[in-house]
């Protein structure tokens, strides 16, 4: 039986608890993408771009605009 361990290779996170696990990091990034996109853009522009490219249309606002 082998165990897996999360190895952090990024240096910046929108929230410190994102360092603990990839799941928590993803949840934080989605939260900031939706509610504080400017901080996500500033802290992790590549993550912001990836979320916009892959999920931008899923996270459309009621007016039909994406972040």
C-alpha atoms as a PDB file:
ATOM      1  CA  UNK A   1       0.000   0.000   0.000  1.00  0.00           C
ATOM      2  CA  UNK A   2       1.369   3.399  -0.939  1.00  0.00           C
ATOM      3  CA  UNK A   3       0.458   6.729   0.529  1.00  0.00           C
ATOM      4  CA  UNK A   4       0.341   9.989  -1.314  1.00  0.00           C
ATOM      5  CA  UNK A   5       1.441  13.294   0.048  1.00  0.00           C
ATOM      6  CA  UNK A   6       0.574  16.736  -1.240  1.00  0.00           C
ATOM      7  CA  UNK A   7       3.663  18.677  -2.262  1.00  0.00           C
ATOM      8  CA  UNK A   8       3.118  22.389  -2.629  1.00  0.00           C
ATOM      9  CA  UNK A   9       4.904  23.824  -5.664  1.00  0.00           C
ATOM     10  CA  UNK A  10       3.204  27.232  -5.779  1.00  0.00           C
ATOM     11  CA  UNK A  11       4.359  30.082  -3.621  1.00  0.00           C
ATOM     12  CA  UNK A  12       1.234  32.220  -3.494  1.00  0.00           C
ATOM     13  CA  UNK A  13      -2.272  31.445  -2.312  1.00  0.00           C
ATOM     14  CA  UNK A  14      -5.341  33.638  -1.927  1.00  0.00           C
ATOM     15  CA  UNK A  15      -5.882  32.091   1.498  1.00  0.00           C
ATOM     16  CA  UNK A  16      -3.277  30.454   3.730  1.00  0.00           C
ATOM     17  CA  UNK A  17      -5.280  27.256   4.225  1.00  0.00           C
ATOM     18  CA  UNK A  18      -4.880  26.570   0.500  1.00  0.00           C
ATOM     19  CA  UNK A  19      -1.388  25.347   1.359  1.00  0.00           C
ATOM     20  CA  UNK A  20      -2.935  22.409   3.224  1.00  0.00           C
ATOM     21  CA  UNK A  21      -4.520  20.557   0.309  1.00  0.00           C
ATOM     22  CA  UNK A  22      -5.315  20.889  -3.379  1.00  0.00           C
ATOM     23  CA  UNK A  23      -9.039  20.577  -2.602  1.00  0.00           C
ATOM     24  CA  UNK A  24      -8.968  23.514  -0.202  1.00  0.00           C
ATOM     25  CA  UNK A  25      -6.861  25.551  -2.616  1.00  0.00           C
ATOM     26  CA  UNK A  26      -9.329  24.920  -5.450  1.00  0.00           C
ATOM     27  CA  UNK A  27     -12.290  25.856  -3.231  1.00  0.00           C
ATOM     28  CA  UNK A  28     -10.563  29.070  -2.197  1.00  0.00           C
ATOM     29  CA  UNK A  29      -9.708  29.943  -5.782  1.00  0.00           C
ATOM     30  CA  UNK A  30     -13.316  29.438  -6.923  1.00  0.00           C
ATOM     31  CA  UNK A  31     -14.565  31.540  -4.013  1.00  0.00           C
ATOM     32  CA  UNK A  32     -12.208  34.380  -4.881  1.00  0.00           C
ATOM     33  CA  UNK A  33     -12.967  34.041  -8.601  1.00  0.00           C
ATOM     34  CA  UNK A  34     -16.642  34.608  -7.834  1.00  0.00           C
ATOM     35  CA  UNK A  35     -16.514  37.158  -5.029  1.00  0.00           C
ATOM     36  CA  UNK A  36     -13.065  38.820  -5.047  1.00  0.00           C
ATOM     37  CA  UNK A  37     -11.710  38.367  -8.577  1.00  0.00           C
ATOM     38  CA  UNK A  38      -9.267  41.281  -8.350  1.00  0.00           C
ATOM     39  CA  UNK A  39      -7.430  39.653  -5.439  1.00  0.00           C
ATOM     40  CA  UNK A  40      -7.237  36.332  -7.293  1.00  0.00           C
ATOM     41  CA  UNK A  41      -5.941  38.114 -10.426  1.00  0.00           C
ATOM     42  CA  UNK A  42      -3.284  39.878  -8.360  1.00  0.00           C
ATOM     43  CA  UNK A  43      -2.256  36.875  -6.256  1.00  0.00           C
ATOM     44  CA  UNK A  44      -2.510  34.078  -8.821  1.00  0.00           C
ATOM     45  CA  UNK A  45      -3.117  35.426 -12.331  1.00  0.00           C
ATOM     46  CA  UNK A  46      -2.554  32.028 -13.947  1.00  0.00           C
ATOM     47  CA  UNK A  47      -5.182  30.445 -11.715  1.00  0.00           C
ATOM     48  CA  UNK A  48      -7.611  33.244 -12.533  1.00  0.00           C
ATOM     49  CA  UNK A  49      -7.027  32.776 -16.260  1.00  0.00           C
ATOM     50  CA  UNK A  50      -7.441  28.997 -15.988  1.00  0.00           C
ATOM     51  CA  UNK A  51     -10.719  29.320 -14.074  1.00  0.00           C
ATOM     52  CA  UNK A  52     -12.046  31.892 -16.528  1.00  0.00           C
ATOM     53  CA  UNK A  53     -11.111  29.715 -19.508  1.00  0.00           C
ATOM     54  CA  UNK A  54     -12.476  26.477 -18.047  1.00  0.00           C
ATOM     55  CA  UNK A  55     -15.399  27.649 -15.910  1.00  0.00           C
ATOM     56  CA  UNK A  56     -16.185  31.222 -16.931  1.00  0.00           C
ATOM     57  CA  UNK A  57     -19.388  30.300 -18.735  1.00  0.00           C
ATOM     58  CA  UNK A  58     -20.512  28.036 -15.877  1.00  0.00           C
ATOM     59  CA  UNK A  59     -20.140  30.894 -13.397  1.00  0.00           C
ATOM     60  CA  UNK A  60     -22.206  33.365 -15.418  1.00  0.00           C
ATOM     61  CA  UNK A  61     -23.969  36.059 -13.470  1.00  0.00           C
ATOM     62  CA  UNK A  62     -27.738  36.474 -13.694  1.00  0.00           C
ATOM     63  CA  UNK A  63     -27.146  39.133 -16.354  1.00  0.00           C
ATOM     64  CA  UNK A  64     -25.257  36.590 -18.449  1.00  0.00           C
ATOM     65  CA  UNK A  65     -21.814  38.094 -17.942  1.00  0.00           C
ATOM     66  CA  UNK A  66     -18.819  36.141 -16.787  1.00  0.00           C
ATOM     67  CA  UNK A  67     -16.163  37.514 -14.510  1.00  0.00           C
END
